[in-house]
Amino acid sequence: MESAAALIPLWLKLAYTAMVLITVAVYTVRYPLGNFLWFSDIALLVTTAALWLESPLLASMMAVGTLLPEILWNVSFFGQLLTGRRVSGLTDYMFDARLPRALRALSLFHVLLPFLLLWLLDRLGYDPRALVAQTALAWVVLPLTFWLTNPKDNVNWVFGWGAGPQRHFPPLLYLALLMAGFAALIHYPTHLVLQRLFG
């Protein structure tokens, strides 16, 4: 039985966990395992733990790391869905008729995730340690992604900002710049906003 002091309803924990289990099962069959290194997929998994543990730190880390990219994903998806015009390449796969609709539908977790994370922060509060913790996590994940994944998949854009590999910098220099960019352009600004809103 759920504790009376629980901040997160049991039905939400169970429903979200079921969604994640289905998504993981399908992605494991359809995609290389390196696909789970996408920050959005990491957030999908870690948010499960944040829900069950009711952890402000885990929820805050995932918000710091993914809110801005998720907003861009949603702008790209709904912009193209409503206007028929491509906004960015981030959601091209959602309009690729060669992929089964059911498989593409699983990616709609990108719509749910930012709202859920903001709701969690409203319930649990924002933990300012998330900035350092998420940056440390990213600085582990990005090199792992570089070494373990196929460049054609370009997971977390470690091989170039866009569809193809970049050619302007040596690969390791580009990776270092990307790591700094995540910290300075995504994590830190998001941290400031979340600290003001939920701190």
N, C-alpha and C. Protein backbone atom coordinates (compact mmCIF):
# COMPACT_ATOMS: atom_id res chain seq x y z
N MET A 1 0.85 -1.19 0.00
CA MET A 1 0.00 0.00 0.00
C MET A 1 0.88 1.24 0.00
N GLU A 2 0.46 2.24 -0.74
CA GLU A 2 1.27 3.45 -0.86
C GLU A 2 1.23 4.24 0.43
N SER A 3 2.38 4.81 0.80
CA SER A 3 2.45 5.62 2.01
C SER A 3 1.57 6.85 1.87
N ALA A 4 0.95 7.22 3.00
CA ALA A 4 0.09 8.42 2.99
C ALA A 4 0.91 9.67 2.73
N ALA A 5 2.22 9.58 3.02
CA ALA A 5 3.08 10.75 2.83
C ALA A 5 3.62 10.86 1.41
N ALA A 6 3.30 9.89 0.55
CA ALA A 6 3.85 9.90 -0.81
C ALA A 6 3.37 11.13 -1.56
N LEU A 7 4.30 11.74 -2.30
CA LEU A 7 3.97 12.94 -3.06
C LEU A 7 3.51 12.62 -4.47
N ILE A 8 3.87 11.43 -4.96
CA ILE A 8 3.54 11.04 -6.32
C ILE A 8 2.50 9.91 -6.26
N PRO A 9 1.37 10.06 -6.94
CA PRO A 9 0.33 9.01 -6.89
C PRO A 9 0.84 7.67 -7.43
N LEU A 10 0.39 6.59 -6.80
CA LEU A 10 0.81 5.26 -7.21
C LEU A 10 0.40 4.96 -8.64
N TRP A 11 -0.79 5.42 -9.06
CA TRP A 11 -1.25 5.12 -10.42
C TRP A 11 -0.30 5.71 -11.46
N LEU A 12 0.25 6.90 -11.15
CA LEU A 12 1.18 7.54 -12.10
C LEU A 12 2.48 6.75 -12.17
N LYS A 13 2.98 6.32 -11.02
CA LYS A 13 4.20 5.51 -11.01
C LYS A 13 4.01 4.24 -11.83
N LEU A 14 2.88 3.56 -11.64
CA LEU A 14 2.63 2.30 -12.34
C LEU A 14 2.44 2.53 -13.84
N ALA A 15 1.67 3.56 -14.20
CA ALA A 15 1.40 3.82 -15.62
C ALA A 15 2.68 4.22 -16.35
N TYR A 16 3.46 5.08 -15.73
CA TYR A 16 4.71 5.51 -16.37
C TYR A 16 5.68 4.34 -16.51
N THR A 17 5.77 3.53 -15.46
CA THR A 17 6.67 2.37 -15.51
C THR A 17 6.26 1.41 -16.62
N ALA A 18 4.96 1.19 -16.77
CA ALA A 18 4.48 0.30 -17.83
C ALA A 18 4.85 0.85 -19.20
N MET A 19 4.68 2.16 -19.39
CA MET A 19 5.03 2.78 -20.66
C MET A 19 6.53 2.62 -20.94
N VAL A 20 7.35 2.82 -19.92
CA VAL A 20 8.79 2.70 -20.10
C VAL A 20 9.18 1.26 -20.42
N LEU A 21 8.59 0.29 -19.75
CA LEU A 21 8.91 -1.12 -20.01
C LEU A 21 8.57 -1.50 -21.45
N ILE A 22 7.42 -1.05 -21.94
CA ILE A 22 7.03 -1.33 -23.33
C ILE A 22 8.02 -0.67 -24.29
N THR A 23 8.34 0.58 -24.03
CA THR A 23 9.26 1.32 -24.91
C THR A 23 10.63 0.65 -24.94
N VAL A 24 11.14 0.30 -23.78
CA VAL A 24 12.46 -0.34 -23.71
C VAL A 24 12.45 -1.68 -24.45
N ALA A 25 11.39 -2.45 -24.25
CA ALA A 25 11.31 -3.76 -24.92
C ALA A 25 11.33 -3.61 -26.44
N VAL A 26 10.55 -2.67 -26.96
CA VAL A 26 10.49 -2.47 -28.41
C VAL A 26 11.80 -1.90 -28.93
N TYR A 27 12.35 -0.89 -28.25
CA TYR A 27 13.60 -0.27 -28.70
C TYR A 27 14.75 -1.26 -28.69
N THR A 28 14.75 -2.18 -27.72
CA THR A 28 15.82 -3.18 -27.65
C THR A 28 15.81 -4.07 -28.88
N VAL A 29 14.62 -4.35 -29.40
CA VAL A 29 14.50 -5.19 -30.59
C VAL A 29 14.78 -4.40 -31.86
N ARG A 30 14.31 -3.15 -31.92
CA ARG A 30 14.35 -2.39 -33.16
C ARG A 30 15.61 -1.55 -33.38
N TYR A 31 16.27 -1.17 -32.29
CA TYR A 31 17.41 -0.25 -32.42
C TYR A 31 18.66 -0.85 -31.78
N PRO A 32 19.85 -0.37 -32.17
CA PRO A 32 21.08 -0.77 -31.47
C PRO A 32 21.02 -0.32 -30.01
N LEU A 33 21.72 -1.03 -29.14
CA LEU A 33 21.69 -0.68 -27.72
C LEU A 33 22.23 0.72 -27.46
N GLY A 34 23.11 1.20 -28.34
CA GLY A 34 23.63 2.55 -28.20
C GLY A 34 22.56 3.62 -28.26
N ASN A 35 21.39 3.27 -28.80
CA ASN A 35 20.27 4.22 -28.86
C ASN A 35 19.87 4.70 -27.46
N PHE A 36 20.09 3.83 -26.45
CA PHE A 36 19.72 4.20 -25.08
C PHE A 36 20.66 5.23 -24.47
N LEU A 37 21.72 5.61 -25.21
CA LEU A 37 22.59 6.67 -24.73
C LEU A 37 22.08 8.06 -25.09
N TRP A 38 21.05 8.13 -25.93
CA TRP A 38 20.42 9.44 -26.15
C TRP A 38 20.00 10.00 -24.79
N PHE A 39 20.23 11.29 -24.57
CA PHE A 39 19.88 11.88 -23.28
C PHE A 39 18.38 11.79 -23.00
N SER A 40 17.58 11.85 -24.05
CA SER A 40 16.13 11.72 -23.85
C SER A 40 15.77 10.32 -23.36
N ASP A 41 16.47 9.30 -23.87
CA ASP A 41 16.20 7.94 -23.42
C ASP A 41 16.70 7.72 -22.00
N ILE A 42 17.85 8.31 -21.69
CA ILE A 42 18.34 8.25 -20.31
C ILE A 42 17.33 8.91 -19.37
N ALA A 43 16.80 10.06 -19.79
CA ALA A 43 15.80 10.75 -18.97
C ALA A 43 14.54 9.91 -18.80
N LEU A 44 14.13 9.24 -19.87
CA LEU A 44 12.97 8.36 -19.79
C LEU A 44 13.17 7.32 -18.69
N LEU A 45 14.36 6.71 -18.64
CA LEU A 45 14.64 5.67 -17.65
C LEU A 45 14.83 6.24 -16.25
N VAL A 46 15.62 7.29 -16.13
CA VAL A 46 15.93 7.84 -14.81
C VAL A 46 14.70 8.47 -14.17
N THR A 47 13.80 8.99 -14.99
CA THR A 47 12.57 9.56 -14.43
C THR A 47 11.73 8.48 -13.75
N THR A 48 11.85 7.24 -14.21
CA THR A 48 11.17 6.14 -13.53
C THR A 48 11.67 6.04 -12.09
N ALA A 49 12.98 6.08 -11.93
CA ALA A 49 13.56 6.04 -10.58
C ALA A 49 13.16 7.27 -9.78
N ALA A 50 13.15 8.44 -10.44
CA ALA A 50 12.75 9.66 -9.74
C ALA A 50 11.33 9.57 -9.21
N LEU A 51 10.45 8.96 -9.99
CA LEU A 51 9.06 8.79 -9.55
C LEU A 51 8.96 7.89 -8.33
N TRP A 52 9.58 6.72 -8.42
CA TRP A 52 9.45 5.75 -7.32
C TRP A 52 10.18 6.20 -6.06
N LEU A 53 11.34 6.82 -6.23
CA LEU A 53 12.10 7.30 -5.06
C LEU A 53 11.65 8.67 -4.60
N GLU A 54 10.82 9.33 -5.42
CA GLU A 54 10.40 10.71 -5.15
C GLU A 54 11.63 11.57 -4.88
N SER A 55 12.58 11.47 -5.82
CA SER A 55 13.89 12.11 -5.66
C SER A 55 13.96 13.45 -6.37
N PRO A 56 14.07 14.54 -5.62
CA PRO A 56 14.24 15.85 -6.26
C PRO A 56 15.52 15.92 -7.10
N LEU A 57 16.59 15.27 -6.64
CA LEU A 57 17.85 15.35 -7.38
C LEU A 57 17.74 14.69 -8.74
N LEU A 58 17.19 13.47 -8.80
CA LEU A 58 17.07 12.78 -10.08
C LEU A 58 16.15 13.53 -11.03
N ALA A 59 15.01 14.00 -10.52
CA ALA A 59 14.09 14.76 -11.37
C ALA A 59 14.74 16.05 -11.86
N SER A 60 15.48 16.70 -10.98
CA SER A 60 16.13 17.96 -11.35
C SER A 60 17.22 17.74 -12.38
N MET A 61 17.99 16.67 -12.22
CA MET A 61 19.03 16.35 -13.20
C MET A 61 18.44 16.15 -14.59
N MET A 62 17.38 15.37 -14.66
CA MET A 62 16.79 15.09 -15.97
C MET A 62 16.18 16.35 -16.58
N ALA A 63 15.64 17.22 -15.74
CA ALA A 63 15.10 18.48 -16.25
C ALA A 63 16.22 19.37 -16.79
N VAL A 64 17.32 19.48 -16.04
CA VAL A 64 18.45 20.30 -16.48
C VAL A 64 19.01 19.79 -17.81
N GLY A 65 19.05 18.47 -17.95
CA GLY A 65 19.68 17.90 -19.13
C GLY A 65 18.81 17.83 -20.36
N THR A 66 17.48 17.82 -20.17
CA THR A 66 16.64 17.53 -21.34
C THR A 66 15.54 18.54 -21.65
N LEU A 67 15.23 19.45 -20.76
CA LEU A 67 14.10 20.34 -21.05
C LEU A 67 14.28 21.13 -22.34
N LEU A 68 15.44 21.74 -22.54
CA LEU A 68 15.64 22.54 -23.75
C LEU A 68 15.61 21.66 -25.01
N PRO A 69 16.34 20.54 -25.05
CA PRO A 69 16.22 19.68 -26.24
C PRO A 69 14.80 19.15 -26.46
N GLU A 70 14.08 18.86 -25.37
CA GLU A 70 12.71 18.36 -25.54
C GLU A 70 11.78 19.44 -26.08
N ILE A 71 12.00 20.68 -25.66
CA ILE A 71 11.21 21.78 -26.20
C ILE A 71 11.46 21.91 -27.71
N LEU A 72 12.73 21.81 -28.10
CA LEU A 72 13.07 21.87 -29.53
C LEU A 72 12.42 20.71 -30.28
N TRP A 73 12.43 19.51 -29.69
CA TRP A 73 11.80 18.35 -30.32
C TRP A 73 10.32 18.63 -30.55
N ASN A 74 9.64 19.17 -29.54
CA ASN A 74 8.21 19.42 -29.66
C ASN A 74 7.89 20.52 -30.66
N VAL A 75 8.71 21.57 -30.67
CA VAL A 75 8.52 22.63 -31.66
C VAL A 75 8.69 22.06 -33.07
N SER A 76 9.71 21.22 -33.24
CA SER A 76 9.96 20.62 -34.55
C SER A 76 8.82 19.71 -34.97
N PHE A 77 8.37 18.88 -34.03
CA PHE A 77 7.33 17.90 -34.36
C PHE A 77 6.00 18.58 -34.65
N PHE A 78 5.54 19.41 -33.72
CA PHE A 78 4.22 20.02 -33.90
C PHE A 78 4.25 21.08 -34.99
N GLY A 79 5.38 21.74 -35.17
CA GLY A 79 5.49 22.69 -36.27
C GLY A 79 5.29 22.02 -37.61
N GLN A 80 5.95 20.88 -37.81
CA GLN A 80 5.80 20.17 -39.09
C GLN A 80 4.43 19.50 -39.18
N LEU A 81 3.93 18.99 -38.06
CA LEU A 81 2.62 18.34 -38.06
C LEU A 81 1.51 19.32 -38.46
N LEU A 82 1.60 20.55 -37.97
CA LEU A 82 0.54 21.53 -38.19
C LEU A 82 0.70 22.32 -39.49
N THR A 83 1.94 22.52 -39.93
CA THR A 83 2.16 23.35 -41.11
C THR A 83 2.62 22.56 -42.33
N GLY A 84 3.12 21.34 -42.10
CA GLY A 84 3.68 20.56 -43.19
C GLY A 84 5.07 20.98 -43.57
N ARG A 85 5.63 21.95 -42.85
CA ARG A 85 6.97 22.44 -43.17
C ARG A 85 7.97 21.91 -42.14
N ARG A 86 9.11 21.48 -42.64
CA ARG A 86 10.16 20.94 -41.77
C ARG A 86 10.78 22.06 -40.95
N VAL A 87 10.77 21.91 -39.64
CA VAL A 87 11.34 22.92 -38.74
C VAL A 87 12.81 22.61 -38.47
N SER A 88 13.10 21.35 -38.17
CA SER A 88 14.48 20.90 -37.98
C SER A 88 14.53 19.41 -38.29
N GLY A 89 15.73 18.88 -38.40
CA GLY A 89 15.87 17.46 -38.68
C GLY A 89 15.65 16.56 -37.49
N LEU A 90 15.41 17.18 -36.32
CA LEU A 90 15.32 16.41 -35.08
C LEU A 90 14.20 15.39 -35.09
N THR A 91 13.12 15.70 -35.79
CA THR A 91 11.95 14.81 -35.77
C THR A 91 11.63 14.25 -37.16
N ASP A 92 12.60 14.25 -38.04
CA ASP A 92 12.36 13.71 -39.39
C ASP A 92 11.82 12.29 -39.34
N TYR A 93 12.33 11.49 -38.41
CA TYR A 93 11.91 10.09 -38.35
C TYR A 93 10.44 9.94 -38.02
N MET A 94 9.85 10.94 -37.37
CA MET A 94 8.44 10.86 -37.00
C MET A 94 7.54 10.96 -38.24
N PHE A 95 8.09 11.43 -39.34
CA PHE A 95 7.32 11.58 -40.58
C PHE A 95 7.82 10.64 -41.67
N ASP A 96 8.62 9.67 -41.26
CA ASP A 96 9.17 8.70 -42.20
C ASP A 96 8.20 7.52 -42.33
N ALA A 97 7.50 7.45 -43.45
CA ALA A 97 6.47 6.42 -43.64
C ALA A 97 7.05 5.01 -43.70
N ARG A 98 8.37 4.90 -43.86
CA ARG A 98 8.99 3.57 -43.88
C ARG A 98 9.02 2.94 -42.49
N LEU A 99 8.89 3.77 -41.46
CA LEU A 99 8.88 3.26 -40.09
C LEU A 99 7.44 2.98 -39.65
N PRO A 100 7.19 1.87 -38.96
CA PRO A 100 5.82 1.58 -38.51
C PRO A 100 5.28 2.69 -37.62
N ARG A 101 4.00 2.97 -37.77
CA ARG A 101 3.38 4.02 -36.96
C ARG A 101 3.48 3.73 -35.48
N ALA A 102 3.31 2.47 -35.11
CA ALA A 102 3.38 2.11 -33.70
C ALA A 102 4.76 2.42 -33.12
N LEU A 103 5.79 2.18 -33.91
CA LEU A 103 7.15 2.48 -33.45
C LEU A 103 7.34 3.98 -33.28
N ARG A 104 6.85 4.74 -34.25
CA ARG A 104 6.96 6.20 -34.14
C ARG A 104 6.12 6.73 -32.99
N ALA A 105 4.99 6.09 -32.73
CA ALA A 105 4.12 6.54 -31.65
C ALA A 105 4.80 6.43 -30.29
N LEU A 106 5.69 5.47 -30.13
CA LEU A 106 6.41 5.34 -28.86
C LEU A 106 7.24 6.58 -28.56
N SER A 107 7.69 7.27 -29.62
CA SER A 107 8.49 8.47 -29.42
C SER A 107 7.68 9.66 -28.92
N LEU A 108 6.38 9.48 -28.82
CA LEU A 108 5.57 10.56 -28.26
C LEU A 108 5.83 10.76 -26.77
N PHE A 109 6.67 9.92 -26.19
CA PHE A 109 7.08 10.19 -24.81
C PHE A 109 7.79 11.54 -24.72
N HIS A 110 8.34 12.02 -25.87
CA HIS A 110 8.98 13.34 -25.89
C HIS A 110 7.97 14.45 -25.58
N VAL A 111 6.72 14.21 -25.87
CA VAL A 111 5.68 15.20 -25.57
C VAL A 111 5.37 15.19 -24.08
N LEU A 112 5.27 14.01 -23.51
CA LEU A 112 4.93 13.86 -22.10
C LEU A 112 6.06 14.28 -21.17
N LEU A 113 7.29 13.92 -21.51
CA LEU A 113 8.40 14.02 -20.58
C LEU A 113 8.63 15.42 -20.01
N PRO A 114 8.68 16.48 -20.81
CA PRO A 114 8.94 17.80 -20.21
C PRO A 114 7.86 18.23 -19.23
N PHE A 115 6.59 17.93 -19.56
CA PHE A 115 5.51 18.28 -18.64
C PHE A 115 5.61 17.49 -17.34
N LEU A 116 5.93 16.21 -17.46
CA LEU A 116 6.07 15.39 -16.26
C LEU A 116 7.21 15.89 -15.39
N LEU A 117 8.34 16.23 -15.99
CA LEU A 117 9.47 16.71 -15.21
C LEU A 117 9.15 18.02 -14.50
N LEU A 118 8.48 18.92 -15.19
CA LEU A 118 8.10 20.19 -14.55
C LEU A 118 7.11 19.94 -13.41
N TRP A 119 6.18 19.02 -13.61
CA TRP A 119 5.23 18.68 -12.55
C TRP A 119 5.96 18.07 -11.35
N LEU A 120 6.94 17.21 -11.62
CA LEU A 120 7.71 16.62 -10.53
C LEU A 120 8.46 17.68 -9.74
N LEU A 121 9.04 18.64 -10.45
CA LEU A 121 9.75 19.71 -9.74
C LEU A 121 8.79 20.55 -8.91
N ASP A 122 7.59 20.73 -9.40
CA ASP A 122 6.59 21.46 -8.63
C ASP A 122 6.22 20.70 -7.35
N ARG A 123 6.17 19.38 -7.45
CA ARG A 123 5.83 18.54 -6.30
C ARG A 123 7.01 18.36 -5.34
N LEU A 124 8.19 18.14 -5.91
CA LEU A 124 9.34 17.74 -5.09
C LEU A 124 10.31 18.88 -4.80
N GLY A 125 10.26 19.93 -5.61
CA GLY A 125 11.23 21.01 -5.49
C GLY A 125 12.43 20.77 -6.38
N TYR A 126 13.16 21.83 -6.64
CA TYR A 126 14.36 21.75 -7.48
C TYR A 126 15.59 21.61 -6.60
N ASP A 127 16.44 20.66 -6.93
CA ASP A 127 17.69 20.44 -6.21
C ASP A 127 18.83 21.08 -7.00
N PRO A 128 19.43 22.16 -6.49
CA PRO A 128 20.46 22.87 -7.26
C PRO A 128 21.72 22.05 -7.53
N ARG A 129 21.90 20.92 -6.83
CA ARG A 129 23.04 20.04 -7.11
C ARG A 129 22.92 19.42 -8.50
N ALA A 130 21.74 19.55 -9.09
CA ALA A 130 21.49 18.93 -10.40
C ALA A 130 22.42 19.47 -11.48
N LEU A 131 22.81 20.73 -11.39
CA LEU A 131 23.68 21.31 -12.42
C LEU A 131 25.00 20.54 -12.50
N VAL A 132 25.67 20.37 -11.38
CA VAL A 132 26.95 19.67 -11.37
C VAL A 132 26.75 18.19 -11.68
N ALA A 133 25.72 17.59 -11.09
CA ALA A 133 25.49 16.15 -11.28
C ALA A 133 25.15 15.82 -12.73
N GLN A 134 24.29 16.63 -13.35
CA GLN A 134 23.92 16.35 -14.74
C GLN A 134 25.08 16.61 -15.69
N THR A 135 25.85 17.64 -15.40
CA THR A 135 27.02 17.92 -16.24
C THR A 135 28.03 16.79 -16.13
N ALA A 136 28.25 16.28 -14.92
CA ALA A 136 29.16 15.14 -14.74
C ALA A 136 28.64 13.92 -15.50
N LEU A 137 27.33 13.68 -15.42
CA LEU A 137 26.75 12.55 -16.16
C LEU A 137 26.96 12.73 -17.66
N ALA A 138 26.70 13.93 -18.15
CA ALA A 138 26.86 14.20 -19.59
C ALA A 138 28.30 14.01 -20.03
N TRP A 139 29.24 14.40 -19.17
CA TRP A 139 30.64 14.27 -19.53
C TRP A 139 31.13 12.83 -19.47
N VAL A 140 30.35 11.94 -18.92
CA VAL A 140 30.61 10.50 -19.03
C VAL A 140 29.90 9.93 -20.25
N VAL A 141 28.64 10.34 -20.44
CA VAL A 141 27.82 9.77 -21.52
C VAL A 141 28.35 10.18 -22.90
N LEU A 142 28.77 11.41 -23.07
CA LEU A 142 29.18 11.86 -24.39
C LEU A 142 30.42 11.12 -24.91
N PRO A 143 31.49 10.96 -24.11
CA PRO A 143 32.61 10.15 -24.61
C PRO A 143 32.22 8.68 -24.86
N LEU A 144 31.38 8.12 -23.98
CA LEU A 144 30.92 6.75 -24.20
C LEU A 144 30.17 6.64 -25.53
N THR A 145 29.34 7.63 -25.79
CA THR A 145 28.59 7.64 -27.03
C THR A 145 29.53 7.71 -28.23
N PHE A 146 30.56 8.54 -28.11
CA PHE A 146 31.55 8.69 -29.18
C PHE A 146 32.26 7.37 -29.46
N TRP A 147 32.60 6.64 -28.41
CA TRP A 147 33.38 5.42 -28.57
C TRP A 147 32.55 4.19 -28.91
N LEU A 148 31.29 4.18 -28.48
CA LEU A 148 30.50 2.94 -28.57
C LEU A 148 29.45 2.92 -29.67
N THR A 149 29.12 4.07 -30.26
CA THR A 149 28.01 4.08 -31.21
C THR A 149 28.51 4.30 -32.64
N ASN A 150 27.63 3.99 -33.57
CA ASN A 150 27.94 4.13 -34.99
C ASN A 150 27.79 5.59 -35.41
N PRO A 151 28.79 6.15 -36.09
CA PRO A 151 28.68 7.55 -36.52
C PRO A 151 27.43 7.84 -37.34
N LYS A 152 26.94 6.87 -38.09
CA LYS A 152 25.75 7.14 -38.91
C LYS A 152 24.52 7.39 -38.05
N ASP A 153 24.51 6.88 -36.81
CA ASP A 153 23.39 7.13 -35.90
C ASP A 153 23.51 8.49 -35.23
N ASN A 154 24.74 8.99 -35.09
CA ASN A 154 25.03 10.31 -34.53
C ASN A 154 24.25 10.58 -33.23
N VAL A 155 24.32 9.62 -32.34
CA VAL A 155 23.63 9.75 -31.04
C VAL A 155 24.21 10.93 -30.27
N ASN A 156 23.34 11.76 -29.74
CA ASN A 156 23.71 12.97 -28.99
C ASN A 156 24.60 13.91 -29.79
N TRP A 157 24.59 13.77 -31.12
CA TRP A 157 25.33 14.65 -32.03
C TRP A 157 26.84 14.65 -31.76
N VAL A 158 27.36 13.52 -31.30
CA VAL A 158 28.80 13.48 -30.96
C VAL A 158 29.69 13.46 -32.20
N PHE A 159 29.11 13.24 -33.37
CA PHE A 159 29.91 13.23 -34.59
C PHE A 159 29.65 14.45 -35.47
N GLY A 160 28.68 15.26 -35.10
CA GLY A 160 28.39 16.45 -35.89
C GLY A 160 27.02 16.98 -35.55
N TRP A 161 26.87 18.29 -35.73
CA TRP A 161 25.58 18.92 -35.42
C TRP A 161 24.70 18.86 -36.66
N GLY A 162 23.99 17.76 -36.79
CA GLY A 162 23.15 17.56 -37.96
C GLY A 162 23.18 16.10 -38.37
N ALA A 163 22.79 15.84 -39.60
CA ALA A 163 22.66 14.46 -40.05
C ALA A 163 24.02 13.80 -40.30
N GLY A 164 24.96 14.54 -40.87
CA GLY A 164 26.23 13.95 -41.23
C GLY A 164 27.35 14.35 -40.28
N PRO A 165 28.49 13.68 -40.36
CA PRO A 165 29.63 14.04 -39.50
C PRO A 165 30.19 15.41 -39.87
N GLN A 166 30.63 16.15 -38.84
CA GLN A 166 31.21 17.47 -39.08
C GLN A 166 32.65 17.31 -39.57
N ARG A 167 33.12 18.32 -40.31
CA ARG A 167 34.47 18.26 -40.88
C ARG A 167 35.30 19.49 -40.53
N HIS A 168 34.78 20.34 -39.65
CA HIS A 168 35.47 21.59 -39.35
C HIS A 168 36.56 21.43 -38.29
N PHE A 169 36.40 20.46 -37.38
CA PHE A 169 37.32 20.28 -36.28
C PHE A 169 37.78 18.82 -36.22
N PRO A 170 38.95 18.56 -35.63
CA PRO A 170 39.30 17.17 -35.33
C PRO A 170 38.22 16.56 -34.44
N PRO A 171 37.90 15.28 -34.61
CA PRO A 171 36.78 14.67 -33.88
C PRO A 171 36.82 14.85 -32.37
N LEU A 172 38.00 14.69 -31.75
CA LEU A 172 38.08 14.81 -30.29
C LEU A 172 37.93 16.26 -29.84
N LEU A 173 38.41 17.20 -30.65
CA LEU A 173 38.21 18.61 -30.32
C LEU A 173 36.72 18.95 -30.41
N TYR A 174 36.06 18.46 -31.45
CA TYR A 174 34.62 18.69 -31.56
C TYR A 174 33.89 18.10 -30.35
N LEU A 175 34.29 16.90 -29.93
CA LEU A 175 33.66 16.27 -28.76
C LEU A 175 33.84 17.14 -27.52
N ALA A 176 35.05 17.66 -27.32
CA ALA A 176 35.31 18.52 -26.17
C ALA A 176 34.45 19.79 -26.23
N LEU A 177 34.33 20.37 -27.42
CA LEU A 177 33.49 21.57 -27.58
C LEU A 177 32.03 21.23 -27.31
N LEU A 178 31.59 20.06 -27.75
CA LEU A 178 30.21 19.64 -27.51
C LEU A 178 29.96 19.48 -26.01
N MET A 179 30.90 18.88 -25.30
CA MET A 179 30.76 18.72 -23.86
C MET A 179 30.66 20.07 -23.16
N ALA A 180 31.49 21.01 -23.58
CA ALA A 180 31.42 22.36 -23.01
C ALA A 180 30.11 23.04 -23.38
N GLY A 181 29.67 22.80 -24.61
CA GLY A 181 28.42 23.41 -25.07
C GLY A 181 27.21 22.92 -24.32
N PHE A 182 27.15 21.63 -24.04
CA PHE A 182 26.04 21.11 -23.24
C PHE A 182 25.99 21.79 -21.88
N ALA A 183 27.15 21.93 -21.25
CA ALA A 183 27.19 22.54 -19.92
C ALA A 183 26.81 24.02 -19.95
N ALA A 184 27.37 24.75 -20.92
CA ALA A 184 27.21 26.20 -20.94
C ALA A 184 25.90 26.65 -21.57
N LEU A 185 25.44 25.93 -22.60
CA LEU A 185 24.29 26.41 -23.37
C LEU A 185 22.98 25.70 -23.05
N ILE A 186 23.06 24.54 -22.42
CA ILE A 186 21.85 23.80 -22.07
C ILE A 186 21.69 23.70 -20.56
N HIS A 187 22.70 23.13 -19.89
CA HIS A 187 22.55 22.87 -18.45
C HIS A 187 22.47 24.14 -17.61
N TYR A 188 23.43 25.05 -17.82
CA TYR A 188 23.48 26.22 -16.94
C TYR A 188 22.26 27.14 -17.10
N PRO A 189 21.87 27.50 -18.33
CA PRO A 189 20.67 28.34 -18.44
C PRO A 189 19.42 27.67 -17.87
N THR A 190 19.27 26.37 -18.12
CA THR A 190 18.10 25.66 -17.59
C THR A 190 18.13 25.65 -16.07
N HIS A 191 19.31 25.43 -15.50
CA HIS A 191 19.47 25.47 -14.04
C HIS A 191 19.00 26.81 -13.47
N LEU A 192 19.41 27.90 -14.10
CA LEU A 192 19.03 29.22 -13.59
C LEU A 192 17.52 29.41 -13.61
N VAL A 193 16.88 28.99 -14.69
CA VAL A 193 15.43 29.14 -14.80
C VAL A 193 14.72 28.26 -13.78
N LEU A 194 15.14 27.02 -13.66
CA LEU A 194 14.47 26.10 -12.74
C LEU A 194 14.69 26.51 -11.29
N GLN A 195 15.87 27.01 -10.98
CA GLN A 195 16.13 27.47 -9.61
C GLN A 195 15.22 28.65 -9.27
N ARG A 196 15.01 29.52 -10.23
CA ARG A 196 14.11 30.66 -9.98
C ARG A 196 12.66 30.21 -9.84
N LEU A 197 12.25 29.25 -10.67
CA LEU A 197 10.85 28.82 -10.66
C LEU A 197 10.51 27.90 -9.50
N PHE A 198 11.44 26.98 -9.17
CA PHE A 198 11.12 25.93 -8.22
C PHE A 198 12.03 25.88 -7.00
N GLY A 199 13.05 26.74 -6.98
CA GLY A 199 14.00 26.67 -5.87
C GLY A 199 13.40 27.14 -4.57
